[in-house]
C-alpha atoms as a PDB file:
ATOM      1  CA  MET A   1      86.373 128.837  93.638  1.00  0.00           C
ATOM      2  CA  ARG A   2      88.693 130.842  91.406  1.00  0.00           C
ATOM      3  CA  PRO A   3      89.216 134.524  90.664  1.00  0.00           C
ATOM      4  CA  ASP A   4      88.469 136.069  87.308  1.00  0.00           C
ATOM      5  CA  PRO A   5      90.427 136.945  85.277  1.00  0.00           C
ATOM      6  CA  ARG A   6      92.930 134.111  85.459  1.00  0.00           C
ATOM      7  CA  HIS A   7      96.462 135.159  86.334  1.00  0.00           C
ATOM      8  CA  VAL A   8      99.667 133.331  87.192  1.00  0.00           C
ATOM      9  CA  SER A   9     101.211 134.032  90.569  1.00  0.00           C
ATOM     10  CA  PRO A  10     105.019 134.364  90.685  1.00  0.00           C
ATOM     11  CA  GLU A  11     105.021 132.509  94.016  1.00  0.00           C
ATOM     12  CA  ALA A  12     105.013 129.066  92.373  1.00  0.00           C
ATOM     13  CA  LYS A  13     108.150 129.919  90.387  1.00  0.00           C
ATOM     14  CA  ASN A  14     109.818 131.433  93.452  1.00  0.00           C
ATOM     15  CA  VAL A  15     109.261 128.290  95.536  1.00  0.00           C
ATOM     16  CA  ARG A  16     110.453 126.124  92.653  1.00  0.00           C
ATOM     17  CA  ARG A  17     113.780 127.979  92.791  1.00  0.00           C
ATOM     18  CA  LYS A  18     113.980 127.333  96.542  1.00  0.00           C
ATOM     19  CA  ILE A  19     113.380 123.639  95.969  1.00  0.00           C
ATOM     20  CA  GLU A  20     116.162 123.521  93.374  1.00  0.00           C
ATOM     21  CA  THR A  21     118.514 125.343  95.747  1.00  0.00           C
ATOM     22  CA  LEU A  22     117.626 123.040  98.628  1.00  0.00           C
ATOM     23  CA  SER A  23     118.184 119.866  96.612  1.00  0.00           C
ATOM     24  CA  SER A  24     121.599 121.055  95.437  1.00  0.00           C
ATOM     25  CA  THR A  25     122.888 122.272  98.813  1.00  0.00           C
ATOM     26  CA  LEU A  26     121.888 119.385 101.084  1.00  0.00           C
ATOM     27  CA  ASN A  27     124.386 116.559 101.317  1.00  0.00           C
ATOM     28  CA  LEU A  28     123.296 113.000 100.639  1.00  0.00           C
ATOM     29  CA  PRO A  29     123.316 111.772 104.278  1.00  0.00           C
ATOM     30  CA  THR A  30     120.986 114.618 105.264  1.00  0.00           C
ATOM     31  CA  VAL A  31     118.678 113.838 102.351  1.00  0.00           C
ATOM     32  CA  ARG A  32     118.561 110.193 103.434  1.00  0.00           C
ATOM     33  CA  ARG A  33     117.705 111.134 107.009  1.00  0.00           C
ATOM     34  CA  ALA A  34     115.137 113.713 105.902  1.00  0.00           C
ATOM     35  CA  LEU A  35     113.159 111.198 103.871  1.00  0.00           C
ATOM     36  CA  GLY A  36     113.849 108.226 106.117  1.00  0.00           C
ATOM     37  CA  VAL A  37     112.334 109.686 109.260  1.00  0.00           C
ATOM     38  CA  LEU A  38     109.184 110.661 107.351  1.00  0.00           C
ATOM     39  CA  GLU A  39     108.600 107.446 105.473  1.00  0.00           C
ATOM     40  CA  GLY A  40     109.617 104.614 107.753  1.00  0.00           C
ATOM     41  CA  GLU A  41     112.239 102.229 106.477  1.00  0.00           C
ATOM     42  CA  HIS A  42     112.710  98.619 105.408  1.00  0.00           C
ATOM     43  CA  SER A  43     115.628  96.460 104.372  1.00  0.00           C
ATOM     44  CA  SER A  44     117.200  96.720 100.925  1.00  0.00           C
ATOM     45  CA  SER A  45     120.531  96.030  99.257  1.00  0.00           C
ATOM     46  CA  ARG A  46     121.520  99.702  99.317  1.00  0.00           C
ATOM     47  CA  LEU A  47     124.319 101.227 101.363  1.00  0.00           C
ATOM     48  CA  GLY A  48     124.234 103.675 104.227  1.00  0.00           C
ATOM     49  CA  GLY A  49     122.153 102.142 107.012  1.00  0.00           C
ATOM     50  CA  ASN A  50     122.379 100.216 110.270  1.00  0.00           C
ATOM     51  CA  ASN A  51     121.938  96.576 109.300  1.00  0.00           C
ATOM     52  CA  ASP A  52     124.511  93.969 108.282  1.00  0.00           C
ATOM     53  CA  PRO A  53     128.052  95.198 107.430  1.00  0.00           C
ATOM     54  CA  MET A  54     128.838  95.130 103.704  1.00  0.00           C
ATOM     55  CA  SER A  55     132.299  96.758 103.278  1.00  0.00           C
ATOM     56  CA  THR A  56     134.879  99.057 104.916  1.00  0.00           C
ATOM     57  CA  ARG A  57     136.272 102.186 103.254  1.00  0.00           C
ATOM     58  CA  ASP A  58     137.873 105.566 103.942  1.00  0.00           C
ATOM     59  CA  TYR A  59     135.712 108.293 105.481  1.00  0.00           C
ATOM     60  CA  THR A  60     134.610 111.113 103.110  1.00  0.00           C
ATOM     61  CA  PHE A  61     133.120 114.530 103.840  1.00  0.00           C
ATOM     62  CA  GLU A  62     129.649 113.318 102.756  1.00  0.00           C
ATOM     63  CA  ASP A  63     129.556 110.527 105.348  1.00  0.00           C
ATOM     64  CA  GLU A  64     127.753 110.859 108.658  1.00  0.00           C
ATOM     65  CA  ALA A  65     129.983 110.844 111.731  1.00  0.00           C
ATOM     66  CA  ARG A  66     127.850 108.108 113.289  1.00  0.00           C
ATOM     67  CA  LEU A  67     128.998 105.707 110.528  1.00  0.00           C
ATOM     68  CA  ILE A  68     132.675 105.890 111.551  1.00  0.00           C
ATOM     69  CA  ASP A  69     134.104 102.594 112.788  1.00  0.00           C
ATOM     70  CA  TRP A  70     136.384 103.704 115.633  1.00  0.00           C
ATOM     71  CA  LYS A  71     138.207 100.394 116.066  1.00  0.00           C
ATOM     72  CA  ALA A  72     139.132 100.204 112.394  1.00  0.00           C
ATOM     73  CA  SER A  73     140.026 103.918 112.406  1.00  0.00           C
ATOM     74  CA  ALA A  74     142.365 103.520 115.408  1.00  0.00           C
ATOM     75  CA  LYS A  75     144.028 100.511 113.818  1.00  0.00           C
ATOM     76  CA  LEU A  76     144.688 102.216 110.470  1.00  0.00           C
ATOM     77  CA  GLY A  77     145.356 105.708 111.802  1.00  0.00           C
ATOM     78  CA  HIS A  78     142.636 107.543 109.844  1.00  0.00           C
ATOM     79  CA  PRO A  79     138.817 107.590 109.847  1.00  0.00           C
ATOM     80  CA  MET A  80     137.165 104.519 108.359  1.00  0.00           C
ATOM     81  CA  VAL A  81     133.503 103.891 107.591  1.00  0.00           C
ATOM     82  CA  ILE A  82     131.658 100.586 107.501  1.00  0.00           C
ATOM     83  CA  ASP A  83     128.993 100.478 104.811  1.00  0.00           C
ATOM     84  CA  ARG A  84     125.940  98.629 106.011  1.00  0.00           C
ATOM     85  CA  GLU A  85     122.751  97.517 104.357  1.00  0.00           C
ATOM     86  CA  ARG A  86     120.630 100.639 104.265  1.00  0.00           C
ATOM     87  CA  LEU A  87     117.069 100.757 105.494  1.00  0.00           C
ATOM     88  CA  VAL A  88     115.328 102.597 102.684  1.00  0.00           C
ATOM     89  CA  THR A  89     112.225 103.060 100.634  1.00  0.00           C
ATOM     90  CA  SER A  90     113.547 102.547  97.109  1.00  0.00           C
ATOM     91  CA  ARG A  91     110.376 103.553  95.250  1.00  0.00           C
ATOM     92  CA  VAL A  92     108.288 106.695  95.597  1.00  0.00           C
ATOM     93  CA  HIS A  93     104.766 107.065  94.203  1.00  0.00           C
ATOM     94  CA  LEU A  94     103.584 110.653  93.690  1.00  0.00           C
ATOM     95  CA  LEU A  95      99.819 110.782  93.030  1.00  0.00           C
ATOM     96  CA  ILE A  96      98.176 114.042  91.968  1.00  0.00           C
ATOM     97  CA  ASP A  97      94.465 114.762  91.775  1.00  0.00           C
ATOM     98  CA  ASN A  98      94.296 116.242  88.266  1.00  0.00           C
ATOM     99  CA  GLY A  99      90.574 116.998  88.224  1.00  0.00           C
ATOM    100  CA  LEU A 100      89.000 120.203  87.008  1.00  0.00           C
ATOM    101  CA  GLU A 101      88.356 121.198  90.615  1.00  0.00           C
ATOM    102  CA  MET A 102      92.109 121.625  91.164  1.00  0.00           C
ATOM    103  CA  GLU A 103      91.855 124.853  89.153  1.00  0.00           C
ATOM    104  CA  GLY A 104      90.500 126.436  92.341  1.00  0.00           C
ATOM    105  CA  ARG A 105      92.651 129.304  93.557  1.00  0.00           C
ATOM    106  CA  THR A 106      94.533 129.718  96.822  1.00  0.00           C
ATOM    107  CA  ILE A 107      95.038 132.918  98.772  1.00  0.00           C
ATOM    108  CA  SER A 108      98.377 133.447  96.985  1.00  0.00           C
ATOM    109  CA  GLY A 109      96.676 133.458  93.590  1.00  0.00           C
ATOM    110  CA  GLU A 110      98.090 130.061  92.617  1.00  0.00           C
ATOM    111  CA  THR A 111      95.825 127.233  91.600  1.00  0.00           C
ATOM    112  CA  ALA A 112      95.562 124.219  93.885  1.00  0.00           C
ATOM    113  CA  ARG A 113      97.137 122.254  91.035  1.00  0.00           C
ATOM    114  CA  GLU A 114     100.233 124.502  91.096  1.00  0.00           C
ATOM    115  CA  VAL A 115     100.655 124.087  94.850  1.00  0.00           C
ATOM    116  CA  ALA A 116     100.221 120.310  94.541  1.00  0.00           C
ATOM    117  CA  GLY A 117     102.764 120.235  91.707  1.00  0.00           C
ATOM    118  CA  ASN A 118     105.333 122.127  93.747  1.00  0.00           C
ATOM    119  CA  ALA A 119     104.779 119.776  96.675  1.00  0.00           C
ATOM    120  CA  MET A 120     105.569 116.853  94.387  1.00  0.00           C
ATOM    121  CA  CYS A 121     108.695 118.652  93.130  1.00  0.00           C
ATOM    122  CA  MET A 122     109.794 118.885  96.765  1.00  0.00           C
ATOM    123  CA  PHE A 123     109.608 115.113  97.214  1.00  0.00           C
ATOM    124  CA  ALA A 124     111.024 114.401  93.771  1.00  0.00           C
ATOM    125  CA  ALA A 125     114.053 116.628  94.412  1.00  0.00           C
ATOM    126  CA  LEU A 126     115.040 114.691  97.525  1.00  0.00           C
ATOM    127  CA  SER A 127     114.087 111.276  96.153  1.00  0.00           C
ATOM    128  CA  ALA A 128     116.109 111.833  92.990  1.00  0.00           C
ATOM    129  CA  ARG A 129     119.153 112.716  95.097  1.00  0.00           C
ATOM    130  CA  ARG A 130     118.720 109.389  96.861  1.00  0.00           C
ATOM    131  CA  HIS A 131     118.371 107.582  93.501  1.00  0.00           C
ATOM    132  CA  ASP A 132     114.897 106.280  94.263  1.00  0.00           C
ATOM    133  CA  ARG A 133     112.592 105.119  91.498  1.00  0.00           C
ATOM    134  CA  ILE A 134     109.862 107.724  91.095  1.00  0.00           C
ATOM    135  CA  SER A 135     106.400 107.111  89.644  1.00  0.00           C
ATOM    136  CA  LEU A 136     104.283 110.158  88.825  1.00  0.00           C
ATOM    137  CA  VAL A 137     100.537 109.500  88.611  1.00  0.00           C
ATOM    138  CA  PHE A 138      97.771 111.855  87.468  1.00  0.00           C
ATOM    139  CA  GLY A 139      94.132 110.956  88.013  1.00  0.00           C
ATOM    140  CA  ASP A 140      90.749 112.382  86.998  1.00  0.00           C
ATOM    141  CA  SER A 141      87.330 111.015  86.034  1.00  0.00           C
ATOM    142  CA  LEU A 142      88.558 110.042  82.564  1.00  0.00           C
ATOM    143  CA  ASN A 143      91.686 108.047  83.346  1.00  0.00           C
ATOM    144  CA  ILE A 144      94.646 107.332  85.582  1.00  0.00           C
ATOM    145  CA  ILE A 145      97.936 108.155  83.884  1.00  0.00           C
ATOM    146  CA  ARG A 146     101.157 106.719  85.308  1.00  0.00           C
ATOM    147  CA  LYS A 147     104.484 108.123  84.187  1.00  0.00           C
ATOM    148  CA  PRO A 148     107.538 106.143  85.312  1.00  0.00           C
ATOM    149  CA  PHE A 149     110.182 108.785  85.760  1.00  0.00           C
ATOM    150  CA  LYS A 150     113.883 108.713  85.041  1.00  0.00           C
ATOM    151  CA  GLY A 151     116.053 111.796  85.156  1.00  0.00           C
ATOM    152  CA  GLY A 152     116.761 114.819  87.301  1.00  0.00           C
ATOM    153  CA  LEU A 153     114.578 117.488  88.851  1.00  0.00           C
ATOM    154  CA  ALA A 154     114.431 119.508  85.612  1.00  0.00           C
ATOM    155  CA  GLN A 155     112.799 116.626  83.759  1.00  0.00           C
ATOM    156  CA  PHE A 156     110.366 116.072  86.616  1.00  0.00           C
ATOM    157  CA  GLU A 157     109.413 119.753  86.651  1.00  0.00           C
ATOM    158  CA  GLN A 158     108.758 119.590  82.918  1.00  0.00           C
ATOM    159  CA  ALA A 159     106.427 116.615  83.382  1.00  0.00           C
ATOM    160  CA  ILE A 160     104.553 118.475  86.127  1.00  0.00           C
ATOM    161  CA  ASP A 161     104.334 121.693  84.108  1.00  0.00           C
ATOM    162  CA  ASN A 162     103.024 119.863  81.043  1.00  0.00           C
ATOM    163  CA  ALA A 163     100.211 118.394  83.114  1.00  0.00           C
ATOM    164  CA  VAL A 164      99.453 121.681  84.870  1.00  0.00           C
ATOM    165  CA  GLY A 165      99.423 123.541  81.559  1.00  0.00           C
ATOM    166  CA  ALA A 166      97.018 121.173  79.796  1.00  0.00           C
ATOM    167  CA  GLU A 167      93.958 123.024  78.534  1.00  0.00           C
ATOM    168  CA  LYS A 168      91.351 120.270  78.594  1.00  0.00           C
ATOM    169  CA  ARG A 169      90.154 119.318  82.065  1.00  0.00           C
ATOM    170  CA  HIS A 170      87.855 116.627  83.399  1.00  0.00           C
ATOM    171  CA  PRO A 171      86.132 116.411  86.801  1.00  0.00           C
ATOM    172  CA  ARG A 172      87.995 114.638  89.572  1.00  0.00           C
ATOM    173  CA  ASN A 173      87.591 111.045  90.649  1.00  0.00           C
ATOM    174  CA  PHE A 174      89.471 110.957  93.919  1.00  0.00           C
ATOM    175  CA  GLU A 175      88.156 107.525  94.831  1.00  0.00           C
ATOM    176  CA  ALA A 176      89.744 106.103  91.665  1.00  0.00           C
ATOM    177  CA  LEU A 177      93.084 107.647  92.654  1.00  0.00           C
ATOM    178  CA  LEU A 178      92.875 106.028  96.095  1.00  0.00           C
ATOM    179  CA  THR A 179      91.912 102.716  94.514  1.00  0.00           C
ATOM    180  CA  TYR A 180      95.049 102.907  92.372  1.00  0.00           C
ATOM    181  CA  ALA A 181      97.150 103.525  95.488  1.00  0.00           C
ATOM    182  CA  ARG A 182      95.596 100.482  97.136  1.00  0.00           C
ATOM    183  CA  THR A 183      96.712  98.288  94.222  1.00  0.00           C
ATOM    184  CA  LEU A 184     100.403  99.126  94.678  1.00  0.00           C
ATOM    185  CA  THR A 185     102.161  95.885  95.551  1.00  0.00           C
ATOM    186  CA  ASP A 186     105.614  97.148  96.593  1.00  0.00           C
ATOM    187  CA  LYS A 187     104.919  97.237 100.312  1.00  0.00           C
ATOM    188  CA  GLY A 188     106.856  99.896 102.183  1.00  0.00           C
ATOM    189  CA  SER A 189     107.237 102.276  99.253  1.00  0.00           C
ATOM    190  CA  LEU A 190     106.473 105.916  99.992  1.00  0.00           C
ATOM    191  CA  VAL A 191     103.088 107.160  98.722  1.00  0.00           C
ATOM    192  CA  VAL A 192     102.377 110.892  98.494  1.00  0.00           C
ATOM    193  CA  ILE A 193      98.868 111.996  97.492  1.00  0.00           C
ATOM    194  CA  ALA A 194      98.064 115.620  96.649  1.00  0.00           C
ATOM    195  CA  THR A 195      94.561 117.054  96.368  1.00  0.00           C
ATOM    196  CA  ASP A 196      92.533 119.986  97.665  1.00  0.00           C
ATOM    197  CA  GLU A 197      90.445 120.178 100.808  1.00  0.00           C
ATOM    198  CA  HIS A 198      87.160 119.594  98.969  1.00  0.00           C
ATOM    199  CA  ALA A 199      88.044 116.132  97.646  1.00  0.00           C
ATOM    200  CA  LEU A 200      88.195 114.330 100.986  1.00  0.00           C
ATOM    201  CA  SER A 201      85.154 112.938 102.763  1.00  0.00           C
ATOM    202  CA  GLY A 202      84.395 110.386 105.438  1.00  0.00           C
ATOM    203  CA  ASP A 203      83.941 107.766 102.719  1.00  0.00           C
ATOM    204  CA  HIS A 204      87.658 108.014 101.884  1.00  0.00           C
ATOM    205  CA  MET A 205      88.957 107.334 105.383  1.00  0.00           C
ATOM    206  CA  ARG A 206      88.864 103.560 105.002  1.00  0.00           C
ATOM    207  CA  SER A 207      90.891 103.725 101.787  1.00  0.00           C
ATOM    208  CA  LEU A 208      93.470 106.001 103.404  1.00  0.00           C
ATOM    209  CA  ARG A 209      93.736 103.633 106.355  1.00  0.00           C
ATOM    210  CA  LEU A 210      94.313 100.636 104.051  1.00  0.00           C
ATOM    211  CA  ILE A 211      96.970 102.503 102.076  1.00  0.00           C
ATOM    212  CA  ALA A 212      98.743 103.570 105.277  1.00  0.00           C
ATOM    213  CA  ALA A 213      98.776  99.950 106.467  1.00  0.00           C
ATOM    214  CA  MET A 214     100.870  99.020 103.426  1.00  0.00           C
ATOM    215  CA  HIS A 215     102.917 102.171 102.767  1.00  0.00           C
ATOM    216  CA  PRO A 216     104.326 105.245 104.474  1.00  0.00           C
ATOM    217  CA  LEU A 217     101.659 107.784 103.472  1.00  0.00           C
ATOM    218  CA  MET A 218     101.778 111.559 103.194  1.00  0.00           C
ATOM    219  CA  LEU A 219      98.728 113.582 102.194  1.00  0.00           C
ATOM    220  CA  ILE A 220      99.091 117.075 100.723  1.00  0.00           C
ATOM    221  CA  ASP A 221      95.837 118.955 101.396  1.00  0.00           C
ATOM    222  CA  VAL A 222      95.691 122.280  99.525  1.00  0.00           C
ATOM    223  CA  ALA A 223      93.444 124.918 101.085  1.00  0.00           C
ATOM    224  CA  THR A 224      91.576 127.040  98.541  1.00  0.00           C
ATOM    225  CA  LEU A 225      90.071 130.494  98.853  1.00  0.00           C
ATOM    226  CA  ASN A 226      87.219 131.129 101.227  1.00  0.00           C
ATOM    227  CA  PRO A 227      84.512 132.214  98.733  1.00  0.00           C
ATOM    228  CA  PHE A 228      82.903 134.598 101.230  1.00  0.00           C
ATOM    229  CA  ARG A 229      86.056 136.536 102.078  1.00  0.00           C
ATOM    230  CA  LYS A 230      87.294 139.429  99.965  1.00  0.00           C
ATOM    231  CA  VAL A 231      90.479 138.788  97.987  1.00  0.00           C
ATOM    232  CA  PRO A 232      93.039 141.298  96.684  1.00  0.00           C
ATOM    233  CA  PHE A 233      92.747 140.084  93.108  1.00  0.00           C
ATOM    234  CA  GLY A 234      89.888 139.713  90.668  1.00  0.00           C
ATOM    235  CA  GLN A 235      86.292 138.665  91.160  1.00  0.00           C
ATOM    236  CA  ILE A 236      85.595 135.276  92.725  1.00  0.00           C
ATOM    237  CA  THR A 237      83.649 132.965  90.425  1.00  0.00           C
ATOM    238  CA  ASP A 238      82.582 129.350  90.559  1.00  0.00           C
ATOM    239  CA  GLY A 239      85.376 127.177  89.216  1.00  0.00           C
ATOM    240  CA  ILE A 240      83.009 124.895  87.277  1.00  0.00           C
ATOM    241  CA  ASP A 241      80.353 127.080  85.665  1.00  0.00           C
ATOM    242  CA  GLY A 242      81.903 130.551  86.041  1.00  0.00           C
ATOM    243  CA  ARG A 243      79.049 132.081  88.053  1.00  0.00           C
ATOM    244  CA  ARG A 244      79.996 134.961  90.346  1.00  0.00           C
ATOM    245  CA  ILE A 245      79.460 134.891  94.090  1.00  0.00           C
ATOM    246  CA  PRO A 246      76.658 137.385  94.936  1.00  0.00           C
ATOM    247  CA  ALA A 247      78.074 140.442  96.653  1.00  0.00           C
ATOM    248  CA  PHE A 248      75.597 140.270  99.543  1.00  0.00           C
ATOM    249  CA  LEU A 249      77.020 136.847 100.522  1.00  0.00           C
ATOM    250  CA  ILE A 250      80.574 138.129 100.850  1.00  0.00           C
ATOM    251  CA  GLY A 251      81.135 139.216 104.426  1.00  0.00           C
ATOM    252  CA  ARG A 252      82.975 138.524 107.653  1.00  0.00           C
ATOM    253  CA  GLN A 253      80.263 136.461 109.349  1.00  0.00           C
ATOM    254  CA  SER A 254      79.859 133.996 106.483  1.00  0.00           C
ATOM    255  CA  ALA A 255      83.625 133.833 105.939  1.00  0.00           C
ATOM    256  CA  ASP A 256      84.332 133.137 109.618  1.00  0.00           C
ATOM    257  CA  SER A 257      81.772 130.314 109.636  1.00  0.00           C
ATOM    258  CA  VAL A 258      83.406 128.687 106.626  1.00  0.00           C
ATOM    259  CA  ASP A 259      86.879 129.020 108.181  1.00  0.00           C
ATOM    260  CA  ALA A 260      85.690 127.465 111.458  1.00  0.00           C
ATOM    261  CA  HIS A 261      84.119 124.531 109.620  1.00  0.00           C
ATOM    262  CA  ARG A 262      87.273 123.966 107.575  1.00  0.00           C
ATOM    263  CA  ARG A 263      89.430 124.002 110.723  1.00  0.00           C
ATOM    264  CA  TYR A 264      87.142 121.407 112.287  1.00  0.00           C
ATOM    265  CA  LEU A 265      87.369 119.120 109.240  1.00  0.00           C
ATOM    266  CA  THR A 266      91.146 119.529 109.076  1.00  0.00           C
ATOM    267  CA  ALA A 267      91.512 118.599 112.750  1.00  0.00           C
ATOM    268  CA  GLN A 268      89.429 115.474 112.173  1.00  0.00           C
ATOM    269  CA  LEU A 269      91.503 114.509 109.134  1.00  0.00           C
ATOM    270  CA  GLN A 270      94.775 115.086 110.953  1.00  0.00           C
ATOM    271  CA  GLU A 271      93.646 112.997 113.910  1.00  0.00           C
ATOM    272  CA  HIS A 272      92.563 110.161 111.636  1.00  0.00           C
ATOM    273  CA  LEU A 273      95.819 110.169 109.656  1.00  0.00           C
ATOM    274  CA  LYS A 274      97.907 110.307 112.816  1.00  0.00           C
ATOM    275  CA  ALA A 275      96.057 107.286 114.182  1.00  0.00           C
ATOM    276  CA  CYS A 276      96.997 105.216 111.139  1.00  0.00           C
ATOM    277  CA  GLY A 277     100.597 106.496 111.015  1.00  0.00           C
ATOM    278  CA  ALA A 278     100.181 108.854 108.066  1.00  0.00           C
ATOM    279  CA  THR A 279     101.246 112.496 107.817  1.00  0.00           C
ATOM    280  CA  LEU A 280      99.219 115.528 106.715  1.00  0.00           C
ATOM    281  CA  ILE A 281     100.607 118.714 105.196  1.00  0.00           C
ATOM    282  CA  ARG A 282      97.859 121.304 104.745  1.00  0.00           C
ATOM    283  CA  ALA A 283      99.080 124.233 102.680  1.00  0.00           C
ATOM    284  CA  THR A 284      97.521 127.530 101.634  1.00  0.00           C
ATOM    285  CA  SER A 285     100.237 128.225  99.041  1.00  0.00           C
ATOM    286  CA  SER A 286     103.492 126.862  97.637  1.00  0.00           C
ATOM    287  CA  GLU A 287     105.419 129.016 100.108  1.00  0.00           C
ATOM    288  CA  ASP A 288     103.365 127.635 102.984  1.00  0.00           C
ATOM    289  CA  MET A 289     103.882 124.076 101.740  1.00  0.00           C
ATOM    290  CA  PHE A 290     107.635 124.543 101.485  1.00  0.00           C
ATOM    291  CA  SER A 291     107.916 126.058 104.969  1.00  0.00           C
ATOM    292  CA  GLN A 292     105.768 123.339 106.534  1.00  0.00           C
ATOM    293  CA  PHE A 293     107.817 120.609 104.897  1.00  0.00           C
ATOM    294  CA  ILE A 294     111.072 122.091 106.184  1.00  0.00           C
ATOM    295  CA  HIS A 295     109.602 122.519 109.676  1.00  0.00           C
ATOM    296  CA  LEU A 296     108.201 118.977 109.704  1.00  0.00           C
ATOM    297  CA  VAL A 297     111.520 117.438 108.733  1.00  0.00           C
ATOM    298  CA  SER A 298     113.482 119.634 111.157  1.00  0.00           C
ATOM    299  CA  VAL A 299     111.283 118.741 114.120  1.00  0.00           C
ATOM    300  CA  THR A 300     111.243 115.051 113.216  1.00  0.00           C
ATOM    301  CA  LEU A 301     115.027 114.884 112.916  1.00  0.00           C
ATOM    302  CA  LYS A 302     115.522 116.566 116.270  1.00  0.00           C
ATOM    303  CA  GLN A 303     113.000 114.260 117.933  1.00  0.00           C
ATOM    304  CA  THR A 304     114.853 111.214 116.615  1.00  0.00           C
ATOM    305  CA  SER A 305     118.207 112.605 117.835  1.00  0.00           C
ATOM    306  CA  TYR A 306     119.647 112.950 114.356  1.00  0.00           C
ATOM    307  CA  ALA A 307     121.754 115.898 113.258  1.00  0.00           C
ATOM    308  CA  SER A 308     119.844 119.109 112.605  1.00  0.00           C
ATOM    309  CA  PHE A 309     118.281 119.649 109.199  1.00  0.00           C
ATOM    310  CA  GLU A 310     119.533 123.110 108.247  1.00  0.00           C
ATOM    311  CA  PRO A 311     119.014 124.460 104.728  1.00  0.00           C
ATOM    312  CA  SER A 312     121.550 126.925 103.398  1.00  0.00           C
ATOM    313  CA  SER A 313     121.102 130.563 104.360  1.00  0.00           C
ATOM    314  CA  ALA A 314     119.979 131.290 100.791  1.00  0.00           C
ATOM    315  CA  VAL A 315     117.023 128.955 101.229  1.00  0.00           C
ATOM    316  CA  ALA A 316     116.268 129.714 104.860  1.00  0.00           C
ATOM    317  CA  GLY A 317     116.272 133.435 104.127  1.00  0.00           C
ATOM    318  CA  GLY A 318     113.067 133.042 102.140  1.00  0.00           C
ATOM    319  CA  MET A 319     111.250 131.094 104.833  1.00  0.00           C
ATOM    320  CA  ALA A 320     109.873 133.854 106.997  1.00  0.00           C
END
C-alpha cells in the first residue's frame, strides 16, 4: 500500500548522511571485525587475520592491539605487528527486489525501495572500506540486472538512486532473484537480499536454506504500512491499481489483527533463518534499519569478545 499523493521523506537522506559519517569515522580494523562476525570467514591471500604469518612490520594506530607480536616487540624495543593471512569474504553480492511492489510506503513515508537502498548503502560503505568486490543486482519480472561495482560510496549511492528513481516499473519476481543467488559459485561470499515483507512465502524457504548453505546470508525485510491503520500523511491507496482503502475498513480491530499476523510470520521467518545460519533485519524505516544494524554488530562483537563497536558521537547522537 502507498499514500497518495506521493511525497519524498527526508529520513532516507538523513540516514544516508549517517552512513557516510559512519564509514569515514570507523577505522579499518573495526570495519573488518564488524563485517567478519556477521558473514563468517574463509581463507584468502589478504592481510589482517589469524592464519599463517606473512610479514612483520611496525605497529600503526590503525592496527588492533591483539595483532602485536610481543616477542618481536621486546627484542626491537618498539611495538611490532605480524601480518597474517586474513580470513575474509572478498566479494559481496547485494541483491535488491526492484519490483513494482517495492513502491509500497513505510510508516516513515519512505518507499520500501528507499529503505532497501539505504540498507545496501550500509553494507557497501563498510565493504568498500575493506576493498571487497561488490556486485549490485536488481531483479523484477522482466530481467535480472547485475552491475559490477568499482568506486567509492558516492558512486554506489548514485547507482542506487538511479534505480530507485526509474519511472517504469515491472512486477516483482522474487523467485528469480533467489534463483540468481543460488547460481553464485564463489562459495563463502556474503549475500545480502533486500525485499519487503509481502514477497516471502513458505515456497521460498528451501531456496533461502540452499543459499545459506553456500554463503553467509543476510535478509533485509522491509515492513510496509498497515493498510487498516490511520497514517499522518495522505490517503492510503493500493500500490498497483490506485484504489483507495474504504474508510469503514480502517480501524483499530482490523489493524491489530494485521499486526499480529505480521508478527507471527516474522517470528517464523526469523526462526527459519536462524536455523540455517542466516540473519534477518526487519526494518520499518531507514532509521530503524540503521539502528538495528548498529545494534546487531555491537552485540555480536561483544559476544565474540572483540573490542566494542562504537560509532562516533555524531553518528550515535542520531540513534535514539
